[in-house]
Amino acid sequence: TLAGREGTNEVLMGPYELSAEPAHGYPRYSKRAAGGATHWLYRHSGGGMWMVTNDESKIAKNVGHIKSARAAALPTEAGLAWQYSAYAGAAWQDDPKMTCTEG
């Protein structure tokens, strides 16, 4: 469950479930949003950070609106900090309230 983000990208918060199809050789998670949209949580192929996007085609490009501040084997790693981007091309901002937990 991704939690803690308020305002920009708050819609990406919520429970994610393991998808059958991995991304970049690592687990990929998805969540159904209101209106039938799907959001994705996946591991960046080069940097190893976890990314969140609302567009499945962005996974191949390693693009997202939220990311972990450093590489991690799993997004639920204890102490993992998270960042968000307000819009495409904007600088990443730390969000100390954001967490990713199992369950």
Protein backbone atom coordinates (compact mmCIF):
# COMPACT_ATOMS: atom_id res chain seq x y z
CA THR A 1 0.00 0.00 0.00
CA LEU A 2 1.36 3.37 -1.05
CA ALA A 3 0.21 6.08 1.37
CA GLY A 4 0.88 9.57 2.64
CA ARG A 5 0.91 11.76 -0.48
CA GLU A 6 -1.58 14.63 -0.34
CA GLY A 7 -2.41 17.03 -3.14
CA THR A 8 -0.38 16.47 -6.32
CA ASN A 9 -0.45 12.77 -7.28
CA GLU A 10 -2.63 11.81 -4.29
CA VAL A 11 -4.72 9.74 -6.72
CA LEU A 12 -1.77 7.32 -7.04
CA MET A 13 -2.03 6.32 -3.37
CA GLY A 14 -3.74 3.11 -2.30
CA PRO A 15 -3.32 -0.66 -2.26
CA TYR A 16 -1.33 -2.19 -5.12
CA GLU A 17 -1.49 -5.89 -5.98
CA LEU A 18 1.20 -8.05 -7.54
CA SER A 19 0.71 -8.33 -11.31
CA ALA A 20 1.25 -11.56 -13.21
CA GLU A 21 3.63 -9.82 -15.62
CA PRO A 22 6.95 -8.48 -14.24
CA ALA A 23 8.67 -5.30 -15.42
CA HIS A 24 12.42 -5.18 -16.08
CA GLY A 25 12.84 -8.56 -14.36
CA TYR A 26 11.28 -7.41 -11.07
CA PRO A 27 7.78 -7.62 -9.62
CA ARG A 28 5.26 -5.17 -10.99
CA TYR A 29 2.23 -4.04 -9.02
CA SER A 30 -1.04 -2.49 -10.16
CA LYS A 31 -4.12 -0.86 -8.68
CA ARG A 32 -7.49 -0.11 -10.21
CA ALA A 33 -8.54 3.49 -9.84
CA ALA A 34 -11.93 5.13 -10.06
CA GLY A 35 -13.24 5.20 -13.60
CA GLY A 36 -11.39 2.02 -14.58
CA ALA A 37 -7.90 3.50 -14.88
CA THR A 38 -4.91 1.44 -13.73
CA HIS A 39 -1.88 2.73 -11.85
CA TRP A 40 1.46 0.91 -11.88
CA LEU A 41 4.30 0.49 -9.36
CA TYR A 42 7.47 -0.90 -10.93
CA ARG A 43 11.29 -0.90 -10.60
CA HIS A 44 13.33 1.42 -12.86
CA SER A 45 15.47 -0.70 -15.21
CA GLY A 46 18.65 1.34 -14.80
CA GLY A 47 18.64 3.09 -11.46
CA GLY A 48 16.73 0.53 -9.40
CA MET A 49 14.35 3.09 -7.92
CA TRP A 50 10.66 2.23 -7.66
CA MET A 51 8.39 4.34 -9.88
CA VAL A 52 4.64 4.95 -9.98
CA THR A 53 2.82 5.87 -13.19
CA ASN A 54 -0.73 6.06 -14.48
CA ASP A 55 0.33 5.05 -18.01
CA GLU A 56 1.53 1.48 -18.64
CA SER A 57 3.44 2.57 -21.77
CA LYS A 58 5.70 4.73 -19.54
CA ILE A 59 7.12 1.63 -17.81
CA ALA A 60 9.35 0.82 -20.81
CA LYS A 61 10.60 4.43 -20.72
CA ASN A 62 11.23 4.42 -16.94
CA VAL A 63 8.92 7.41 -16.44
CA GLY A 64 6.71 8.08 -13.45
CA HIS A 65 5.12 10.68 -11.17
CA ILE A 66 6.40 9.21 -7.89
CA LYS A 67 9.68 7.39 -7.17
CA SER A 68 11.71 6.00 -4.33
CA ALA A 69 14.64 8.25 -3.39
CA ARG A 70 17.14 5.41 -3.88
CA ALA A 71 17.40 1.94 -5.34
CA ALA A 72 15.79 -0.93 -3.42
CA ALA A 73 15.08 -4.61 -4.01
CA LEU A 74 11.42 -4.11 -3.01
CA PRO A 75 9.27 -0.98 -2.63
CA THR A 76 8.38 -1.99 0.94
CA GLU A 77 11.99 -1.83 2.18
CA ALA A 78 12.12 -0.28 5.66
CA GLY A 79 13.20 3.36 5.70
CA LEU A 80 12.78 3.86 1.96
CA ALA A 81 12.05 7.54 1.27
CA TRP A 82 9.78 8.69 -1.56
CA GLN A 83 9.68 11.67 -3.93
CA TYR A 84 7.13 13.14 -6.31
CA SER A 85 7.15 15.31 -9.42
CA ALA A 86 4.38 17.88 -9.81
CA TYR A 87 4.44 17.65 -13.62
CA ALA A 88 6.59 16.29 -16.47
CA GLY A 89 10.04 17.82 -16.29
CA ALA A 90 9.58 19.24 -12.78
CA ALA A 91 12.25 18.67 -10.13
CA TRP A 92 11.73 15.76 -7.74
CA GLN A 93 10.48 16.81 -4.30
CA ASP A 94 10.91 14.80 -1.10
CA ASP A 95 7.73 13.71 0.68
CA PRO A 96 8.58 12.46 4.19
CA LYS A 97 4.94 11.39 4.76
CA MET A 98 4.92 8.90 1.89
CA THR A 99 5.38 5.20 2.68
CA CYS A 100 4.98 1.85 0.96
CA THR A 101 4.00 -1.08 3.14
CA GLU A 102 2.98 -4.67 2.52
CA GLY A 103 -0.68 -5.51 2.84
